[in-house]
């Protein structure tokens, strides 16, 4: 089994709706200044897990946050 070493990250989670027994909203990865929408709590967890991956598809396509 491969050991993965990950650095810590800072995420801002905005819950916009609570529908169908789960959350919908946006998560911002502070270090990368990227925001991605999520449709469920499970998808949010996958996004957080994927943030440290080099082949993270969702974060790679994320638009830069407008300041």
PDB file of N, CA and C in Angstrom:
ATOM      1  N   UNK A   1       0.841  -1.181   0.000  1.00  0.00           N
ATOM      2  CA  UNK A   1       0.000   0.000   0.000  1.00  0.00           C
ATOM      3  C   UNK A   1       0.881   1.236   0.000  1.00  0.00           C
ATOM      4  N   UNK A   2       0.539   2.177  -0.798  1.00  0.00           N
ATOM      5  CA  UNK A   2       1.312   3.402  -0.950  1.00  0.00           C
ATOM      6  C   UNK A   2       0.989   4.391   0.177  1.00  0.00           C
ATOM      7  N   UNK A   3       2.042   4.912   0.827  1.00  0.00           N
ATOM      8  CA  UNK A   3       1.842   5.935   1.856  1.00  0.00           C
ATOM      9  C   UNK A   3       1.776   7.291   1.178  1.00  0.00           C
ATOM     10  N   UNK A   4       0.746   8.046   1.523  1.00  0.00           N
ATOM     11  CA  UNK A   4       0.589   9.376   0.940  1.00  0.00           C
ATOM     12  C   UNK A   4       0.812  10.408   2.031  1.00  0.00           C
ATOM     13  N   UNK A   5       1.684  11.368   1.732  1.00  0.00           N
ATOM     14  CA  UNK A   5       1.930  12.473   2.648  1.00  0.00           C
ATOM     15  C   UNK A   5       1.269  13.695   2.045  1.00  0.00           C
ATOM     16  N   UNK A   6       0.420  14.320   2.832  1.00  0.00           N
ATOM     17  CA  UNK A   6      -0.302  15.492   2.334  1.00  0.00           C
ATOM     18  C   UNK A   6      -0.071  16.668   3.261  1.00  0.00           C
ATOM     19  N   UNK A   7      -0.007  17.821   2.646  1.00  0.00           N
ATOM     20  CA  UNK A   7       0.067  19.036   3.439  1.00  0.00           C
ATOM     21  C   UNK A   7      -1.341  19.423   3.844  1.00  0.00           C
ATOM     22  N   UNK A   8      -1.440  20.213   4.887  1.00  0.00           N
ATOM     23  CA  UNK A   8      -2.745  20.684   5.330  1.00  0.00           C
ATOM     24  C   UNK A   8      -3.240  21.756   4.374  1.00  0.00           C
ATOM     25  N   UNK A   9      -4.551  21.887   4.280  1.00  0.00           N
ATOM     26  CA  UNK A   9      -5.162  22.903   3.438  1.00  0.00           C
ATOM     27  C   UNK A   9      -6.230  23.653   4.202  1.00  0.00           C
ATOM     28  N   UNK A  10      -6.568  24.804   3.682  1.00  0.00           N
ATOM     29  CA  UNK A  10      -7.617  25.627   4.286  1.00  0.00           C
ATOM     30  C   UNK A  10      -8.767  25.713   3.297  1.00  0.00           C
ATOM     31  N   UNK A  11      -9.976  25.384   3.782  1.00  0.00           N
ATOM     32  CA  UNK A  11     -11.152  25.381   2.929  1.00  0.00           C
ATOM     33  C   UNK A  11     -12.261  26.187   3.583  1.00  0.00           C
ATOM     34  N   UNK A  12     -12.958  26.964   2.780  1.00  0.00           N
ATOM     35  CA  UNK A  12     -14.124  27.713   3.237  1.00  0.00           C
ATOM     36  C   UNK A  12     -15.344  27.046   2.613  1.00  0.00           C
ATOM     37  N   UNK A  13     -16.233  26.539   3.445  1.00  0.00           N
ATOM     38  CA  UNK A  13     -17.417  25.822   2.967  1.00  0.00           C
ATOM     39  C   UNK A  13     -18.641  26.699   3.171  1.00  0.00           C
ATOM     40  N   UNK A  14     -19.393  26.915   2.089  1.00  0.00           N
ATOM     41  CA  UNK A  14     -20.638  27.690   2.139  1.00  0.00           C
ATOM     42  C   UNK A  14     -21.806  26.750   1.841  1.00  0.00           C
ATOM     43  N   UNK A  15     -22.615  26.503   2.852  1.00  0.00           N
ATOM     44  CA  UNK A  15     -23.816  25.684   2.659  1.00  0.00           C
ATOM     45  C   UNK A  15     -24.914  26.635   2.207  1.00  0.00           C
ATOM     46  N   UNK A  16     -25.409  26.446   0.994  1.00  0.00           N
ATOM     47  CA  UNK A  16     -26.428  27.337   0.446  1.00  0.00           C
ATOM     48  C   UNK A  16     -27.829  26.761   0.587  1.00  0.00           C
ATOM     49  N   UNK A  17     -27.945  25.442   0.507  1.00  0.00           N
ATOM     50  CA  UNK A  17     -29.252  24.788   0.583  1.00  0.00           C
ATOM     51  C   UNK A  17     -29.119  23.485   1.354  1.00  0.00           C
ATOM     52  N   UNK A  18     -30.210  23.071   1.939  1.00  0.00           N
ATOM     53  CA  UNK A  18     -30.319  21.747   2.547  1.00  0.00           C
ATOM     54  C   UNK A  18     -31.545  21.100   1.940  1.00  0.00           C
ATOM     55  N   UNK A  19     -31.329  20.257   0.950  1.00  0.00           N
ATOM     56  CA  UNK A  19     -32.437  19.603   0.254  1.00  0.00           C
ATOM     57  C   UNK A  19     -32.144  18.122   0.123  1.00  0.00           C
ATOM     58  N   UNK A  20     -33.201  17.337   0.110  1.00  0.00           N
ATOM     59  CA  UNK A  20     -33.087  15.890  -0.087  1.00  0.00           C
ATOM     60  C   UNK A  20     -32.105  15.273   0.903  1.00  0.00           C
ATOM     61  N   UNK A  21     -32.196  15.707   2.162  1.00  0.00           N
ATOM     62  CA  UNK A  21     -31.410  15.139   3.261  1.00  0.00           C
ATOM     63  C   UNK A  21     -29.901  15.336   3.131  1.00  0.00           C
ATOM     64  N   UNK A  22     -29.444  16.328   2.356  1.00  0.00           N
ATOM     65  CA  UNK A  22     -28.010  16.585   2.234  1.00  0.00           C
ATOM     66  C   UNK A  22     -27.773  18.065   1.966  1.00  0.00           C
ATOM     67  N   UNK A  23     -26.512  18.451   1.819  1.00  0.00           N
ATOM     68  CA  UNK A  23     -26.130  19.851   1.626  1.00  0.00           C
ATOM     69  C   UNK A  23     -25.770  20.126   0.175  1.00  0.00           C
ATOM     70  N   UNK A  24     -26.029  21.349  -0.260  1.00  0.00           N
ATOM     71  CA  UNK A  24     -25.538  21.856  -1.529  1.00  0.00           C
ATOM     72  C   UNK A  24     -24.887  23.203  -1.245  1.00  0.00           C
ATOM     73  N   UNK A  25     -23.818  23.506  -1.976  1.00  0.00           N
ATOM     74  CA  UNK A  25     -23.148  24.786  -1.757  1.00  0.00           C
ATOM     75  C   UNK A  25     -21.862  24.889  -2.541  1.00  0.00           C
ATOM     76  N   UNK A  26     -20.906  25.649  -1.980  1.00  0.00           N
ATOM     77  CA  UNK A  26     -19.617  25.864  -2.621  1.00  0.00           C
ATOM     78  C   UNK A  26     -18.508  25.686  -1.599  1.00  0.00           C
ATOM     79  N   UNK A  27     -17.373  25.206  -2.074  1.00  0.00           N
ATOM     80  CA  UNK A  27     -16.189  25.090  -1.234  1.00  0.00           C
ATOM     81  C   UNK A  27     -15.049  25.827  -1.945  1.00  0.00           C
ATOM     82  N   UNK A  28     -14.322  26.642  -1.175  1.00  0.00           N
ATOM     83  CA  UNK A  28     -13.186  27.388  -1.707  1.00  0.00           C
ATOM     84  C   UNK A  28     -11.912  26.849  -1.080  1.00  0.00           C
ATOM     85  N   UNK A  29     -10.953  26.516  -1.928  1.00  0.00           N
ATOM     86  CA  UNK A  29      -9.633  26.080  -1.486  1.00  0.00           C
ATOM     87  C   UNK A  29      -8.776  27.329  -1.399  1.00  0.00           C
ATOM     88  N   UNK A  30      -8.497  27.782  -0.182  1.00  0.00           N
ATOM     89  CA  UNK A  30      -7.848  29.075   0.051  1.00  0.00           C
ATOM     90  C   UNK A  30      -6.452  29.162  -0.575  1.00  0.00           C
ATOM     91  N   UNK A  31      -5.641  28.143  -0.423  1.00  0.00           N
ATOM     92  CA  UNK A  31      -4.270  28.194  -0.941  1.00  0.00           C
ATOM     93  C   UNK A  31      -4.220  28.297  -2.463  1.00  0.00           C
ATOM     94  N   UNK A  32      -5.173  27.686  -3.142  1.00  0.00           N
ATOM     95  CA  UNK A  32      -5.200  27.692  -4.602  1.00  0.00           C
ATOM     96  C   UNK A  32      -6.131  28.765  -5.165  1.00  0.00           C
ATOM     97  N   UNK A  33      -6.909  29.405  -4.292  1.00  0.00           N
ATOM     98  CA  UNK A  33      -7.855  30.450  -4.701  1.00  0.00           C
ATOM     99  C   UNK A  33      -8.832  29.931  -5.763  1.00  0.00           C
ATOM    100  N   UNK A  34      -9.375  28.731  -5.520  1.00  0.00           N
ATOM    101  CA  UNK A  34     -10.322  28.096  -6.447  1.00  0.00           C
ATOM    102  C   UNK A  34     -11.600  27.743  -5.703  1.00  0.00           C
ATOM    103  N   UNK A  35     -12.733  27.870  -6.403  1.00  0.00           N
ATOM    104  CA  UNK A  35     -14.039  27.553  -5.832  1.00  0.00           C
ATOM    105  C   UNK A  35     -14.745  26.529  -6.710  1.00  0.00           C
ATOM    106  N   UNK A  36     -15.368  25.541  -6.067  1.00  0.00           N
ATOM    107  CA  UNK A  36     -16.107  24.492  -6.768  1.00  0.00           C
ATOM    108  C   UNK A  36     -17.453  24.310  -6.072  1.00  0.00           C
ATOM    109  N   UNK A  37     -18.505  24.118  -6.848  1.00  0.00           N
ATOM    110  CA  UNK A  37     -19.830  23.828  -6.291  1.00  0.00           C
ATOM    111  C   UNK A  37     -19.947  22.336  -6.009  1.00  0.00           C
ATOM    112  N   UNK A  38     -20.731  21.987  -4.981  1.00  0.00           N
ATOM    113  CA  UNK A  38     -20.988  20.588  -4.682  1.00  0.00           C
ATOM    114  C   UNK A  38     -22.488  20.392  -4.497  1.00  0.00           C
ATOM    115  N   UNK A  39     -22.961  19.158  -4.777  1.00  0.00           N
ATOM    116  CA  UNK A  39     -24.389  18.848  -4.742  1.00  0.00           C
ATOM    117  C   UNK A  39     -24.790  17.958  -3.586  1.00  0.00           C
ATOM    118  N   UNK A  40     -23.796  17.471  -2.831  1.00  0.00           N
ATOM    119  CA  UNK A  40     -24.109  16.605  -1.686  1.00  0.00           C
ATOM    120  C   UNK A  40     -22.943  16.631  -0.711  1.00  0.00           C
ATOM    121  N   UNK A  41     -23.214  16.200   0.508  1.00  0.00           N
ATOM    122  CA  UNK A  41     -22.151  16.121   1.509  1.00  0.00           C
ATOM    123  C   UNK A  41     -21.076  15.126   1.070  1.00  0.00           C
ATOM    124  N   UNK A  42     -21.473  14.049   0.419  1.00  0.00           N
ATOM    125  CA  UNK A  42     -20.503  13.071  -0.075  1.00  0.00           C
ATOM    126  C   UNK A  42     -19.599  13.694  -1.134  1.00  0.00           C
ATOM    127  N   UNK A  43     -20.183  14.470  -2.035  1.00  0.00           N
ATOM    128  CA  UNK A  43     -19.377  15.131  -3.061  1.00  0.00           C
ATOM    129  C   UNK A  43     -18.412  16.131  -2.420  1.00  0.00           C
ATOM    130  N   UNK A  44     -18.845  16.832  -1.376  1.00  0.00           N
ATOM    131  CA  UNK A  44     -17.970  17.747  -0.643  1.00  0.00           C
ATOM    132  C   UNK A  44     -16.773  16.990  -0.072  1.00  0.00           C
ATOM    133  N   UNK A  45     -17.019  15.845   0.549  1.00  0.00           N
ATOM    134  CA  UNK A  45     -15.920  15.050   1.101  1.00  0.00           C
ATOM    135  C   UNK A  45     -14.961  14.581   0.011  1.00  0.00           C
ATOM    136  N   UNK A  46     -15.491  14.204  -1.129  1.00  0.00           N
ATOM    137  CA  UNK A  46     -14.631  13.785  -2.246  1.00  0.00           C
ATOM    138  C   UNK A  46     -13.775  14.941  -2.742  1.00  0.00           C
ATOM    139  N   UNK A  47     -14.352  16.143  -2.805  1.00  0.00           N
ATOM    140  CA  UNK A  47     -13.591  17.323  -3.222  1.00  0.00           C
ATOM    141  C   UNK A  47     -12.450  17.609  -2.248  1.00  0.00           C
ATOM    142  N   UNK A  48     -12.731  17.517  -0.958  1.00  0.00           N
ATOM    143  CA  UNK A  48     -11.698  17.758   0.041  1.00  0.00           C
ATOM    144  C   UNK A  48     -10.591  16.714  -0.062  1.00  0.00           C
ATOM    145  N   UNK A  49     -10.964  15.467  -0.294  1.00  0.00           N
ATOM    146  CA  UNK A  49      -9.981  14.400  -0.447  1.00  0.00           C
ATOM    147  C   UNK A  49      -9.162  14.585  -1.720  1.00  0.00           C
ATOM    148  N   UNK A  50      -9.812  15.016  -2.789  1.00  0.00           N
ATOM    149  CA  UNK A  50      -9.171  15.186  -4.087  1.00  0.00           C
ATOM    150  C   UNK A  50      -8.218  16.380  -4.123  1.00  0.00           C
ATOM    151  N   UNK A  51      -8.370  17.317  -3.216  1.00  0.00           N
ATOM    152  CA  UNK A  51      -7.572  18.550  -3.247  1.00  0.00           C
ATOM    153  C   UNK A  51      -6.075  18.271  -3.210  1.00  0.00           C
ATOM    154  N   UNK A  52      -5.647  17.241  -2.535  1.00  0.00           N
ATOM    155  CA  UNK A  52      -4.226  16.935  -2.455  1.00  0.00           C
ATOM    156  C   UNK A  52      -3.697  16.110  -3.602  1.00  0.00           C
ATOM    157  N   UNK A  53      -4.566  15.643  -4.464  1.00  0.00           N
ATOM    158  CA  UNK A  53      -4.158  14.789  -5.581  1.00  0.00           C
ATOM    159  C   UNK A  53      -3.638  15.640  -6.745  1.00  0.00           C
ATOM    160  N   UNK A  54      -2.637  15.131  -7.437  1.00  0.00           N
ATOM    161  CA  UNK A  54      -2.092  15.863  -8.575  1.00  0.00           C
ATOM    162  C   UNK A  54      -3.013  15.778  -9.788  1.00  0.00           C
ATOM    163  N   UNK A  55      -3.834  14.742  -9.866  1.00  0.00           N
ATOM    164  CA  UNK A  55      -4.732  14.574 -11.012  1.00  0.00           C
ATOM    165  C   UNK A  55      -6.170  14.917 -10.636  1.00  0.00           C
ATOM    166  N   UNK A  56      -6.346  15.829  -9.693  1.00  0.00           N
ATOM    167  CA  UNK A  56      -7.681  16.214  -9.249  1.00  0.00           C
ATOM    168  C   UNK A  56      -8.457  16.894 -10.366  1.00  0.00           C
ATOM    169  N   UNK A  57      -9.368  16.181 -10.981  1.00  0.00           N
ATOM    170  CA  UNK A  57     -10.096  16.688 -12.141  1.00  0.00           C
ATOM    171  C   UNK A  57     -10.935  17.911 -11.819  1.00  0.00           C
ATOM    172  N   UNK A  58     -11.701  17.858 -10.757  1.00  0.00           N
ATOM    173  CA  UNK A  58     -12.640  18.933 -10.446  1.00  0.00           C
ATOM    174  C   UNK A  58     -11.919  20.227 -10.114  1.00  0.00           C
ATOM    175  N   UNK A  59     -10.886  20.146  -9.295  1.00  0.00           N
ATOM    176  CA  UNK A  59     -10.159  21.361  -8.915  1.00  0.00           C
ATOM    177  C   UNK A  59      -9.371  21.912 -10.093  1.00  0.00           C
ATOM    178  N   UNK A  60      -8.893  21.059 -10.978  1.00  0.00           N
ATOM    179  CA  UNK A  60      -8.115  21.516 -12.137  1.00  0.00           C
ATOM    180  C   UNK A  60      -8.983  22.382 -13.054  1.00  0.00           C
ATOM    181  N   UNK A  61     -10.273  22.074 -13.118  1.00  0.00           N
ATOM    182  CA  UNK A  61     -11.193  22.809 -13.979  1.00  0.00           C
ATOM    183  C   UNK A  61     -11.847  23.997 -13.285  1.00  0.00           C
ATOM    184  N   UNK A  62     -11.581  24.179 -11.997  1.00  0.00           N
ATOM    185  CA  UNK A  62     -12.249  25.226 -11.224  1.00  0.00           C
ATOM    186  C   UNK A  62     -11.822  26.621 -11.687  1.00  0.00           C
ATOM    187  N   UNK A  63     -12.783  27.517 -11.720  1.00  0.00           N
ATOM    188  CA  UNK A  63     -12.503  28.904 -12.080  1.00  0.00           C
ATOM    189  C   UNK A  63     -11.820  29.595 -10.899  1.00  0.00           C
ATOM    190  N   UNK A  64     -10.948  30.539 -11.209  1.00  0.00           N
ATOM    191  CA  UNK A  64     -10.315  31.322 -10.159  1.00  0.00           C
ATOM    192  C   UNK A  64     -11.351  32.201  -9.487  1.00  0.00           C
ATOM    193  N   UNK A  65     -11.207  32.391  -8.194  1.00  0.00           N
ATOM    194  CA  UNK A  65     -12.144  33.220  -7.427  1.00  0.00           C
ATOM    195  C   UNK A  65     -11.911  34.683  -7.756  1.00  0.00           C
ATOM    196  N   UNK A  66     -12.975  35.397  -8.028  1.00  0.00           N
ATOM    197  CA  UNK A  66     -12.880  36.827  -8.295  1.00  0.00           C
ATOM    198  C   UNK A  66     -12.715  37.566  -6.998  1.00  0.00           C
ATOM    199  N   UNK A  67     -11.745  38.451  -6.904  1.00  0.00           N
ATOM    200  CA  UNK A  67     -11.561  39.253  -5.694  1.00  0.00           C
ATOM    201  C   UNK A  67     -11.987  40.666  -5.928  1.00  0.00           C
TER     202      UNK A  67
END
